[in-house]
């Protein structure tokens, strides 16, 4: 069975068994408010619309990028030639999840933010737009992609700090810039061991209100294994599975629970 069929079957299973779309049956006020005020928030504003406009523009881009990329699960470099629009279609977050991370960021108002995996800067733009005064660093291993991310940030008048380098080599030095991490978006290396290593490194900087967001938690069995280990870590109090993304909360006042919420 090919990976696309497997992914579709996983989504069907998720859709059949996920609950709490409108908050019914949720006893935690924190999670209930998250569902009502963030997951079900369909109100747009001028700042979000500006990102949507840039997103639509670059989604249509025929500009070709040439670069070497290390594929997930491999140790070799693949030479790629692909349009910006195709990169966004294949690997960036879509409007639905872009709006989600914008609303999450705006709702929790983090000031110290880190992103692992800039790509061409779509997710970066949604986060930065919701937290314009934050200290936001985004790490990307491919310099050609960072150039596009910088263009997008410039068009939106955002002040994200883009850092080029291999996560394994530079993450520790980047983390030294932070006294704490309020929000981390993990969207880079999709290998089990690497994801867990980055998670554990960032754990050193958490505080009670920190939020970790993981993209593509059901992308492969490898990522699902990482997600299972992450959500069962002793420091994690609540996890939320939204199929594509997983949310992790560390708040000590919350009861230990894992939610699969229809989104």
Protein backbone atom coordinates (compact mmCIF):
# COMPACT_ATOMS: atom_id res chain seq x y z
CA UNK A 1 0.00 0.00 0.00
CA UNK A 2 1.46 3.35 -1.01
CA UNK A 3 1.98 6.15 1.47
CA UNK A 4 -0.77 8.40 0.04
CA UNK A 5 -3.41 5.69 0.50
CA UNK A 6 -2.16 4.98 4.01
CA UNK A 7 -2.34 8.66 4.89
CA UNK A 8 -5.90 8.89 3.53
CA UNK A 9 -6.97 5.88 5.58
CA UNK A 10 -5.45 7.43 8.69
CA UNK A 11 -7.42 10.62 8.05
CA UNK A 12 -10.69 8.68 7.60
CA UNK A 13 -10.06 6.92 10.91
CA UNK A 14 -9.31 10.25 12.57
CA UNK A 15 -12.47 11.85 11.17
CA UNK A 16 -14.64 8.94 12.34
CA UNK A 17 -13.32 8.83 15.89
CA UNK A 18 -12.25 12.41 16.70
CA UNK A 19 -14.57 14.27 19.08
CA UNK A 20 -15.31 17.61 20.73
CA UNK A 21 -15.59 19.70 17.55
CA UNK A 22 -17.85 22.16 19.37
CA UNK A 23 -16.46 21.55 22.85
CA UNK A 24 -19.20 19.15 23.94
CA UNK A 25 -18.04 16.60 26.51
CA UNK A 26 -14.87 18.49 27.42
CA UNK A 27 -14.54 18.97 31.18
CA UNK A 28 -11.37 21.05 31.11
CA UNK A 29 -12.15 24.80 30.94
CA UNK A 30 -8.73 25.35 29.36
CA UNK A 31 -9.39 22.94 26.48
CA UNK A 32 -13.01 24.07 26.12
CA UNK A 33 -11.83 27.68 25.71
CA UNK A 34 -9.16 26.54 23.26
CA UNK A 35 -11.81 24.87 21.11
CA UNK A 36 -14.26 27.79 21.23
CA UNK A 37 -11.81 30.68 20.97
CA UNK A 38 -9.10 29.21 18.74
CA UNK A 39 -10.12 26.06 16.86
CA UNK A 40 -13.59 27.39 16.04
CA UNK A 41 -12.50 30.98 15.48
CA UNK A 42 -13.38 31.78 11.86
CA UNK A 43 -13.18 35.56 12.21
CA UNK A 44 -10.61 37.11 9.95
CA UNK A 45 -8.90 40.45 10.49
CA UNK A 46 -6.78 42.84 8.47
CA UNK A 47 -3.48 41.33 9.62
CA UNK A 48 -4.54 37.77 8.76
CA UNK A 49 -5.95 38.83 5.40
CA UNK A 50 -2.59 40.39 4.55
CA UNK A 51 -0.91 36.99 5.04
CA UNK A 52 -3.61 35.28 2.97
CA UNK A 53 -2.91 37.73 0.13
CA UNK A 54 0.82 36.99 0.20
CA UNK A 55 0.11 33.25 0.49
CA UNK A 56 -2.09 33.34 -2.64
CA UNK A 57 0.53 35.33 -4.53
CA UNK A 58 3.38 32.90 -3.82
CA UNK A 59 1.16 29.85 -4.31
CA UNK A 60 0.89 30.93 -7.96
CA UNK A 61 4.62 31.63 -8.30
CA UNK A 62 6.39 29.90 -11.19
CA UNK A 63 9.82 31.01 -10.00
CA UNK A 64 12.11 27.98 -9.94
CA UNK A 65 14.37 27.20 -6.99
CA UNK A 66 17.37 24.89 -7.36
CA UNK A 67 18.84 23.32 -4.25
CA UNK A 68 20.12 20.14 -2.59
CA UNK A 69 17.85 18.69 0.04
CA UNK A 70 18.29 15.82 2.47
CA UNK A 71 15.14 13.72 2.34
CA UNK A 72 13.38 12.61 5.52
CA UNK A 73 14.50 9.14 6.47
CA UNK A 74 17.61 9.29 4.25
CA UNK A 75 21.23 10.31 4.55
CA UNK A 76 21.79 11.45 1.00
CA UNK A 77 21.20 14.75 -0.77
CA UNK A 78 18.69 15.01 -3.58
CA UNK A 79 19.12 17.73 -6.17
CA UNK A 80 15.82 19.54 -6.68
CA UNK A 81 14.46 22.00 -9.18
CA UNK A 82 10.96 23.09 -8.24
CA UNK A 83 8.75 26.18 -8.37
CA UNK A 84 7.93 28.14 -5.24
CA UNK A 85 4.27 27.42 -5.83
CA UNK A 86 4.90 23.67 -5.88
CA UNK A 87 6.92 23.86 -2.65
CA UNK A 88 4.01 25.59 -0.95
CA UNK A 89 1.48 23.09 -2.31
CA UNK A 90 3.53 20.08 -1.30
CA UNK A 91 5.08 21.00 2.01
CA UNK A 92 3.82 24.29 3.46
CA UNK A 93 0.80 24.59 5.69
CA UNK A 94 -2.46 25.39 3.92
CA UNK A 95 -4.87 28.26 4.69
CA UNK A 96 -6.78 26.23 7.29
CA UNK A 97 -3.72 25.41 9.38
CA UNK A 98 -2.15 28.78 8.69
CA UNK A 99 -5.20 30.41 10.23
CA UNK A 100 -4.93 27.96 13.13
CA UNK A 101 -1.35 28.84 14.05
CA UNK A 102 -2.16 32.53 13.60
CA UNK A 103 -5.08 32.19 16.03
CA UNK A 104 -3.05 30.08 18.45
CA UNK A 105 -0.25 32.63 18.48
CA UNK A 106 -2.60 35.57 18.88
CA UNK A 107 -4.58 33.85 21.66
CA UNK A 108 -1.59 32.86 23.80
CA UNK A 109 0.47 35.96 22.96
CA UNK A 110 3.99 34.41 23.16
CA UNK A 111 7.00 36.69 23.24
CA UNK A 112 9.80 34.12 22.77
CA UNK A 113 9.22 32.02 19.64
CA UNK A 114 11.28 29.46 17.74
CA UNK A 115 10.52 27.67 14.46
CA UNK A 116 12.42 24.61 13.27
CA UNK A 117 11.92 24.44 9.51
CA UNK A 118 11.24 27.73 7.74
CA UNK A 119 10.92 26.34 4.21
CA UNK A 120 9.85 29.36 2.11
CA UNK A 121 8.33 31.10 5.12
CA UNK A 122 4.57 30.50 4.93
CA UNK A 123 4.08 29.21 8.48
CA UNK A 124 6.64 31.79 9.61
CA UNK A 125 4.51 34.58 8.15
CA UNK A 126 1.35 33.44 9.95
CA UNK A 127 3.15 33.22 13.31
CA UNK A 128 5.04 36.50 12.95
CA UNK A 129 1.90 38.35 11.89
CA UNK A 130 0.16 37.32 15.12
CA UNK A 131 3.11 38.26 17.34
CA UNK A 132 4.75 41.34 15.78
CA UNK A 133 6.66 42.30 18.94
CA UNK A 134 8.03 38.85 19.70
CA UNK A 135 11.61 37.59 19.60
CA UNK A 136 11.16 35.13 16.74
CA UNK A 137 13.94 32.99 15.26
CA UNK A 138 13.32 30.57 12.40
CA UNK A 139 15.89 27.95 11.35
CA UNK A 140 16.16 26.52 7.83
CA UNK A 141 18.78 24.29 6.26
CA UNK A 142 18.35 25.47 2.67
CA UNK A 143 19.59 28.95 1.90
CA UNK A 144 17.54 29.33 -1.29
CA UNK A 145 14.33 28.86 0.71
CA UNK A 146 15.39 31.42 3.30
CA UNK A 147 15.77 34.02 0.54
CA UNK A 148 12.08 33.60 -0.34
CA UNK A 149 11.07 33.63 3.34
CA UNK A 150 12.89 36.92 3.77
CA UNK A 151 11.05 38.40 0.78
CA UNK A 152 7.70 37.36 2.26
CA UNK A 153 8.62 38.78 5.67
CA UNK A 154 9.73 42.02 4.04
CA UNK A 155 6.45 42.37 2.12
CA UNK A 156 4.55 41.94 5.39
CA UNK A 157 6.95 44.24 7.27
CA UNK A 158 7.80 41.47 9.74
CA UNK A 159 11.02 41.28 11.76
CA UNK A 160 11.73 37.55 11.99
CA UNK A 161 15.37 36.51 12.41
CA UNK A 162 16.18 33.81 9.84
CA UNK A 163 19.02 31.43 10.65
CA UNK A 164 20.61 29.17 8.03
CA UNK A 165 22.05 25.88 9.20
CA UNK A 166 21.61 22.22 10.05
CA UNK A 167 19.41 21.81 13.13
CA UNK A 168 21.75 19.20 14.57
CA UNK A 169 24.67 21.59 14.37
CA UNK A 170 23.17 24.93 15.40
CA UNK A 171 20.11 24.29 17.57
CA UNK A 172 22.03 24.38 20.84
CA UNK A 173 23.64 27.71 20.00
CA UNK A 174 20.27 29.16 18.95
CA UNK A 175 18.69 27.99 22.20
CA UNK A 176 21.38 29.88 24.10
CA UNK A 177 19.71 33.08 22.86
CA UNK A 178 16.62 32.27 24.91
CA UNK A 179 15.97 32.39 28.64
CA UNK A 180 12.64 30.68 27.95
CA UNK A 181 10.55 29.44 25.04
CA UNK A 182 6.89 30.40 24.88
CA UNK A 183 6.09 28.78 21.55
CA UNK A 184 8.00 26.33 19.37
CA UNK A 185 6.82 25.17 15.94
CA UNK A 186 8.48 21.91 14.87
CA UNK A 187 8.32 21.49 11.09
CA UNK A 188 11.72 20.37 9.95
CA UNK A 189 13.36 16.97 9.97
CA UNK A 190 10.61 14.31 9.96
CA UNK A 191 12.74 11.52 11.39
CA UNK A 192 11.70 9.96 14.70
CA UNK A 193 15.07 10.28 16.46
CA UNK A 194 15.73 13.81 15.21
CA UNK A 195 12.27 15.07 16.20
CA UNK A 196 12.70 13.63 19.69
CA UNK A 197 16.18 15.15 20.00
CA UNK A 198 14.88 18.62 19.09
CA UNK A 199 11.95 18.20 21.45
CA UNK A 200 14.23 17.25 24.33
CA UNK A 201 16.60 20.12 23.61
CA UNK A 202 13.75 22.65 23.62
CA UNK A 203 12.34 21.16 26.83
CA UNK A 204 15.25 22.76 28.67
CA UNK A 205 13.70 26.20 27.97
CA UNK A 206 10.03 25.61 28.76
CA UNK A 207 7.97 27.46 31.34
CA UNK A 208 4.49 26.66 32.59
CA UNK A 209 2.66 28.36 29.72
CA UNK A 210 4.88 27.09 26.89
CA UNK A 211 3.26 25.60 23.79
CA UNK A 212 4.89 23.16 21.39
CA UNK A 213 3.28 22.68 17.97
CA UNK A 214 4.27 19.69 15.84
CA UNK A 215 3.41 19.56 12.14
CA UNK A 216 2.74 16.32 10.23
CA UNK A 217 2.32 14.09 13.28
CA UNK A 218 0.65 11.41 11.12
CA UNK A 219 2.89 11.96 8.08
CA UNK A 220 4.54 8.55 8.57
CA UNK A 221 4.69 5.71 11.08
CA UNK A 222 8.04 7.19 12.09
CA UNK A 223 6.45 10.51 13.00
CA UNK A 224 3.57 8.76 14.76
CA UNK A 225 6.08 6.94 16.96
CA UNK A 226 7.72 10.25 17.82
CA UNK A 227 4.34 11.83 18.60
CA UNK A 228 3.42 8.93 20.92
CA UNK A 229 6.66 9.32 22.85
CA UNK A 230 6.32 13.11 23.03
CA UNK A 231 2.74 13.14 24.30
CA UNK A 232 3.62 10.58 26.98
CA UNK A 233 6.67 12.48 28.24
CA UNK A 234 6.40 13.08 32.02
CA UNK A 235 6.63 16.87 31.58
CA UNK A 236 3.67 16.95 29.19
CA UNK A 237 0.28 17.52 30.81
CA UNK A 238 -2.07 17.79 27.80
CA UNK A 239 -1.77 16.88 24.13
CA UNK A 240 -4.20 17.73 21.35
CA UNK A 241 -4.25 15.72 18.11
CA UNK A 242 -5.72 17.73 15.20
CA UNK A 243 -4.54 15.13 12.69
CA UNK A 244 -2.05 17.25 10.76
CA UNK A 245 -0.83 19.11 13.83
CA UNK A 246 -0.30 18.17 17.43
CA UNK A 247 -0.35 20.63 20.32
CA UNK A 248 1.58 20.08 23.56
CA UNK A 249 0.92 21.92 26.84
CA UNK A 250 2.94 21.76 30.05
CA UNK A 251 0.66 23.63 32.47
CA UNK A 252 0.93 22.01 35.89
CA UNK A 253 -2.60 23.08 36.83
CA UNK A 254 -4.08 20.91 34.06
CA UNK A 255 -5.13 17.29 34.47
CA UNK A 256 -3.11 14.78 32.47
CA UNK A 257 -5.07 13.97 29.29
CA UNK A 258 -4.73 13.35 25.56
CA UNK A 259 -7.40 14.72 23.22
CA UNK A 260 -8.19 13.83 19.61
CA UNK A 261 -10.28 16.79 18.46
CA UNK A 262 -12.09 17.02 15.14
CA UNK A 263 -10.80 20.07 13.29
